[in-house]
C-alpha atoms as a PDB file:
ATOM      1  CA  UNK A   1      -0.270  -0.062  -0.093  1.00  0.00           C
ATOM      2  CA  UNK A   2       1.294   3.508  -0.821  1.00  0.00           C
ATOM      3  CA  UNK A   3       2.748   5.151   1.960  1.00  0.00           C
ATOM      4  CA  UNK A   4       0.634   8.352   1.454  1.00  0.00           C
ATOM      5  CA  UNK A   5      -2.303   6.268   1.561  1.00  0.00           C
ATOM      6  CA  UNK A   6      -1.704   4.258   4.858  1.00  0.00           C
ATOM      7  CA  UNK A   7      -0.909   7.800   6.494  1.00  0.00           C
ATOM      8  CA  UNK A   8      -3.984   9.437   5.409  1.00  0.00           C
ATOM      9  CA  UNK A   9      -6.020  11.114   8.040  1.00  0.00           C
ATOM     10  CA  UNK A  10      -9.380   9.645   8.277  1.00  0.00           C
ATOM     11  CA  UNK A  11     -11.350  13.165   7.660  1.00  0.00           C
ATOM     12  CA  UNK A  12      -9.568  13.187   4.214  1.00  0.00           C
ATOM     13  CA  UNK A  13     -10.397   9.643   3.423  1.00  0.00           C
ATOM     14  CA  UNK A  14     -14.150  10.304   4.222  1.00  0.00           C
ATOM     15  CA  UNK A  15     -13.839  13.620   2.555  1.00  0.00           C
ATOM     16  CA  UNK A  16     -12.377  11.825  -0.641  1.00  0.00           C
ATOM     17  CA  UNK A  17     -15.312   9.129  -0.649  1.00  0.00           C
ATOM     18  CA  UNK A  18     -17.683  11.855  -0.347  1.00  0.00           C
ATOM     19  CA  UNK A  19     -16.539  13.321  -3.611  1.00  0.00           C
ATOM     20  CA  UNK A  20     -15.853  10.116  -5.313  1.00  0.00           C
ATOM     21  CA  UNK A  21     -19.478   8.952  -4.808  1.00  0.00           C
ATOM     22  CA  UNK A  22     -21.048  12.320  -5.805  1.00  0.00           C
ATOM     23  CA  UNK A  23     -19.064  12.059  -8.801  1.00  0.00           C
ATOM     24  CA  UNK A  24     -19.965   8.567  -9.455  1.00  0.00           C
ATOM     25  CA  UNK A  25     -23.687  10.003  -9.455  1.00  0.00           C
ATOM     26  CA  UNK A  26     -22.941  12.006 -12.180  1.00  0.00           C
ATOM     27  CA  UNK A  27     -21.262   8.945 -14.160  1.00  0.00           C
ATOM     28  CA  UNK A  28     -23.971   6.499 -13.168  1.00  0.00           C
ATOM     29  CA  UNK A  29     -27.162   8.771 -12.249  1.00  0.00           C
ATOM     30  CA  UNK A  30     -29.874   7.316 -10.048  1.00  0.00           C
ATOM     31  CA  UNK A  31     -30.306   9.807  -7.289  1.00  0.00           C
ATOM     32  CA  UNK A  32     -28.732   7.630  -5.020  1.00  0.00           C
ATOM     33  CA  UNK A  33     -25.017   7.903  -4.527  1.00  0.00           C
ATOM     34  CA  UNK A  34     -25.553  11.740  -4.018  1.00  0.00           C
ATOM     35  CA  UNK A  35     -26.856  10.972  -0.732  1.00  0.00           C
ATOM     36  CA  UNK A  36     -24.088   8.456   0.326  1.00  0.00           C
ATOM     37  CA  UNK A  37     -21.594  10.998  -1.006  1.00  0.00           C
ATOM     38  CA  UNK A  38     -23.241  13.911   1.221  1.00  0.00           C
ATOM     39  CA  UNK A  39     -23.181  11.449   4.351  1.00  0.00           C
ATOM     40  CA  UNK A  40     -19.335  10.551   3.492  1.00  0.00           C
ATOM     41  CA  UNK A  41     -18.393  14.313   3.429  1.00  0.00           C
ATOM     42  CA  UNK A  42     -20.460  15.019   6.936  1.00  0.00           C
ATOM     43  CA  UNK A  43     -18.654  12.165   8.491  1.00  0.00           C
ATOM     44  CA  UNK A  44     -15.491  13.463   7.229  1.00  0.00           C
ATOM     45  CA  UNK A  45     -16.338  16.863   8.635  1.00  0.00           C
ATOM     46  CA  UNK A  46     -17.210  15.045  12.049  1.00  0.00           C
ATOM     47  CA  UNK A  47     -13.873  13.322  12.094  1.00  0.00           C
ATOM     48  CA  UNK A  48     -12.264  16.664  11.325  1.00  0.00           C
ATOM     49  CA  UNK A  49     -13.580  18.916  13.954  1.00  0.00           C
ATOM     50  CA  UNK A  50     -14.928  16.536  16.796  1.00  0.00           C
ATOM     51  CA  UNK A  51     -11.913  15.360  19.069  1.00  0.00           C
ATOM     52  CA  UNK A  52     -11.941  11.573  19.573  1.00  0.00           C
ATOM     53  CA  UNK A  53     -13.896  10.586  16.491  1.00  0.00           C
ATOM     54  CA  UNK A  54     -11.123  10.762  13.983  1.00  0.00           C
ATOM     55  CA  UNK A  55      -9.375   7.782  16.497  1.00  0.00           C
ATOM     56  CA  UNK A  56     -12.436   5.704  16.335  1.00  0.00           C
ATOM     57  CA  UNK A  57     -13.279   3.662  13.295  1.00  0.00           C
ATOM     58  CA  UNK A  58     -16.471   2.246  14.582  1.00  0.00           C
ATOM     59  CA  UNK A  59     -17.814   5.694  15.520  1.00  0.00           C
ATOM     60  CA  UNK A  60     -16.750   6.940  12.026  1.00  0.00           C
ATOM     61  CA  UNK A  61     -18.818   3.982  10.608  1.00  0.00           C
ATOM     62  CA  UNK A  62     -21.628   4.363  13.042  1.00  0.00           C
ATOM     63  CA  UNK A  63     -21.984   8.264  11.948  1.00  0.00           C
ATOM     64  CA  UNK A  64     -21.737   7.343   8.272  1.00  0.00           C
ATOM     65  CA  UNK A  65     -24.570   4.757   8.417  1.00  0.00           C
ATOM     66  CA  UNK A  66     -26.871   7.100  10.475  1.00  0.00           C
ATOM     67  CA  UNK A  67     -26.325   9.932   8.251  1.00  0.00           C
ATOM     68  CA  UNK A  68     -27.017   7.429   5.090  1.00  0.00           C
ATOM     69  CA  UNK A  69     -29.949   6.189   6.555  1.00  0.00           C
ATOM     70  CA  UNK A  70     -31.287   9.618   7.401  1.00  0.00           C
ATOM     71  CA  UNK A  71     -30.265  11.101   3.990  1.00  0.00           C
ATOM     72  CA  UNK A  72     -31.933   8.419   2.026  1.00  0.00           C
ATOM     73  CA  UNK A  73     -35.190   8.360   4.098  1.00  0.00           C
ATOM     74  CA  UNK A  74     -35.404  11.869   4.089  1.00  0.00           C
ATOM     75  CA  UNK A  75     -34.953  12.181   0.161  1.00  0.00           C
ATOM     76  CA  UNK A  76     -37.335   9.252  -0.277  1.00  0.00           C
ATOM     77  CA  UNK A  77     -40.047  10.841   1.662  1.00  0.00           C
ATOM     78  CA  UNK A  78     -39.610  14.584  -0.105  1.00  0.00           C
ATOM     79  CA  UNK A  79     -39.453  12.812  -3.625  1.00  0.00           C
ATOM     80  CA  UNK A  80     -42.520  10.729  -2.815  1.00  0.00           C
ATOM     81  CA  UNK A  81     -44.295  14.158  -1.606  1.00  0.00           C
ATOM     82  CA  UNK A  82     -42.966  16.087  -4.629  1.00  0.00           C
ATOM     83  CA  UNK A  83     -42.323  13.696  -7.457  1.00  0.00           C
ATOM     84  CA  UNK A  84     -40.317  14.881 -10.386  1.00  0.00           C
ATOM     85  CA  UNK A  85     -42.870  15.746 -13.465  1.00  0.00           C
ATOM     86  CA  UNK A  86     -41.609  15.822 -17.062  1.00  0.00           C
ATOM     87  CA  UNK A  87     -42.785  18.192 -19.785  1.00  0.00           C
ATOM     88  CA  UNK A  88     -42.970  15.116 -21.945  1.00  0.00           C
ATOM     89  CA  UNK A  89     -44.167  12.023 -20.329  1.00  0.00           C
ATOM     90  CA  UNK A  90     -44.111   9.977 -23.457  1.00  0.00           C
ATOM     91  CA  UNK A  91     -40.666  10.963 -24.236  1.00  0.00           C
ATOM     92  CA  UNK A  92     -39.372   7.273 -24.650  1.00  0.00           C
ATOM     93  CA  UNK A  93     -42.798   5.798 -25.760  1.00  0.00           C
ATOM     94  CA  UNK A  94     -42.536   5.952 -29.514  1.00  0.00           C
ATOM     95  CA  UNK A  95     -45.892   3.927 -30.186  1.00  0.00           C
ATOM     96  CA  UNK A  96     -47.885   6.179 -27.945  1.00  0.00           C
ATOM     97  CA  UNK A  97     -46.331   9.362 -29.319  1.00  0.00           C
ATOM     98  CA  UNK A  98     -48.019   8.213 -32.801  1.00  0.00           C
ATOM     99  CA  UNK A  99     -51.475   8.384 -31.506  1.00  0.00           C
ATOM    100  CA  UNK A 100     -53.293  10.775 -33.644  1.00  0.00           C
ATOM    101  CA  UNK A 101     -50.963  10.419 -36.872  1.00  0.00           C
ATOM    102  CA  UNK A 102     -52.381   9.294 -40.298  1.00  0.00           C
ATOM    103  CA  UNK A 103     -50.369   6.673 -41.966  1.00  0.00           C
ATOM    104  CA  UNK A 104     -50.005   4.813 -45.361  1.00  0.00           C
ATOM    105  CA  UNK A 105     -50.903   1.055 -45.340  1.00  0.00           C
ATOM    106  CA  UNK A 106     -48.015  -0.588 -46.867  1.00  0.00           C
ATOM    107  CA  UNK A 107     -49.181  -3.944 -46.349  1.00  0.00           C
ATOM    108  CA  UNK A 108     -53.117  -4.504 -46.533  1.00  0.00           C
ATOM    109  CA  UNK A 109     -54.789  -4.959 -43.258  1.00  0.00           C
ATOM    110  CA  UNK A 110     -56.375  -8.449 -43.566  1.00  0.00           C
ATOM    111  CA  UNK A 111     -58.027 -10.178 -40.589  1.00  0.00           C
ATOM    112  CA  UNK A 112     -57.155  -6.920 -38.373  1.00  0.00           C
ATOM    113  CA  UNK A 113     -53.403  -7.425 -39.091  1.00  0.00           C
ATOM    114  CA  UNK A 114     -51.121  -5.431 -41.344  1.00  0.00           C
ATOM    115  CA  UNK A 115     -48.030  -2.946 -41.836  1.00  0.00           C
ATOM    116  CA  UNK A 116     -48.082   0.923 -41.965  1.00  0.00           C
ATOM    117  CA  UNK A 117     -45.443   3.394 -43.067  1.00  0.00           C
ATOM    118  CA  UNK A 118     -44.051   5.348 -40.103  1.00  0.00           C
ATOM    119  CA  UNK A 119     -41.276   7.932 -41.280  1.00  0.00           C
ATOM    120  CA  UNK A 120     -38.893   5.821 -43.132  1.00  0.00           C
ATOM    121  CA  UNK A 121     -39.684   2.623 -41.472  1.00  0.00           C
ATOM    122  CA  UNK A 122     -42.925   0.224 -41.404  1.00  0.00           C
ATOM    123  CA  UNK A 123     -44.721  -0.532 -38.211  1.00  0.00           C
ATOM    124  CA  UNK A 124     -47.332  -3.601 -37.576  1.00  0.00           C
ATOM    125  CA  UNK A 125     -50.527  -2.235 -37.295  1.00  0.00           C
ATOM    126  CA  UNK A 126     -53.951  -3.806 -36.061  1.00  0.00           C
ATOM    127  CA  UNK A 127     -57.504  -2.559 -37.282  1.00  0.00           C
ATOM    128  CA  UNK A 128     -60.226  -2.916 -39.460  1.00  0.00           C
ATOM    129  CA  UNK A 129     -59.167  -4.310 -42.899  1.00  0.00           C
ATOM    130  CA  UNK A 130     -57.865  -1.696 -45.410  1.00  0.00           C
ATOM    131  CA  UNK A 131     -56.296  -1.820 -48.898  1.00  0.00           C
ATOM    132  CA  UNK A 132     -52.658  -1.213 -49.381  1.00  0.00           C
ATOM    133  CA  UNK A 133     -51.992   2.586 -50.036  1.00  0.00           C
ATOM    134  CA  UNK A 134     -55.063   3.468 -47.941  1.00  0.00           C
ATOM    135  CA  UNK A 135     -54.908   6.122 -44.997  1.00  0.00           C
ATOM    136  CA  UNK A 136     -55.209   5.043 -41.317  1.00  0.00           C
ATOM    137  CA  UNK A 137     -55.456   7.217 -38.004  1.00  0.00           C
ATOM    138  CA  UNK A 138     -53.478   5.774 -34.933  1.00  0.00           C
ATOM    139  CA  UNK A 139     -55.965   5.616 -31.904  1.00  0.00           C
ATOM    140  CA  UNK A 140     -53.758   3.535 -29.541  1.00  0.00           C
ATOM    141  CA  UNK A 141     -50.877   1.597 -29.135  1.00  0.00           C
ATOM    142  CA  UNK A 142     -50.519  -2.069 -27.871  1.00  0.00           C
ATOM    143  CA  UNK A 143     -46.776  -2.602 -27.141  1.00  0.00           C
ATOM    144  CA  UNK A 144     -45.158  -2.293 -30.467  1.00  0.00           C
ATOM    145  CA  UNK A 145     -48.397  -2.755 -32.594  1.00  0.00           C
ATOM    146  CA  UNK A 146     -50.485   0.159 -33.540  1.00  0.00           C
ATOM    147  CA  UNK A 147     -54.124   0.168 -33.525  1.00  0.00           C
ATOM    148  CA  UNK A 148     -55.562   2.178 -36.270  1.00  0.00           C
ATOM    149  CA  UNK A 149     -58.889   3.211 -37.651  1.00  0.00           C
ATOM    150  CA  UNK A 150     -59.861   4.253 -41.143  1.00  0.00           C
ATOM    151  CA  UNK A 151     -58.860   7.953 -41.763  1.00  0.00           C
END
């Protein structure tokens, strides 16, 4: 082990861990590691300021565990009371975003099944029989299948 690492003051170890956890939140976002990072930073401040804490690893681990629990529990309660809303709830649901669009049938809809042109591709469609080239309107989506009606 490197000499500098073995001789590192406990508060610097906690502060470094806190910064690393906060940076990890940026790389792997999940809104979880930031709270552990905050708990590690506060533990580092405790180890730096409060006499005796720096000499007791069990006390440091206890403080970190307690602060982690408090931070995670508080964040969870706050997020439950104040959910994060998005301006576009269907952002990653392409089929749902197509509702209301008028499409051209590329493979005749027979027995309720066919295909229609969406942009530069084709999607499976489900709806009343329609000839190739006819126009249909998307009324809903069932997984990756568009439910259509005559336009």
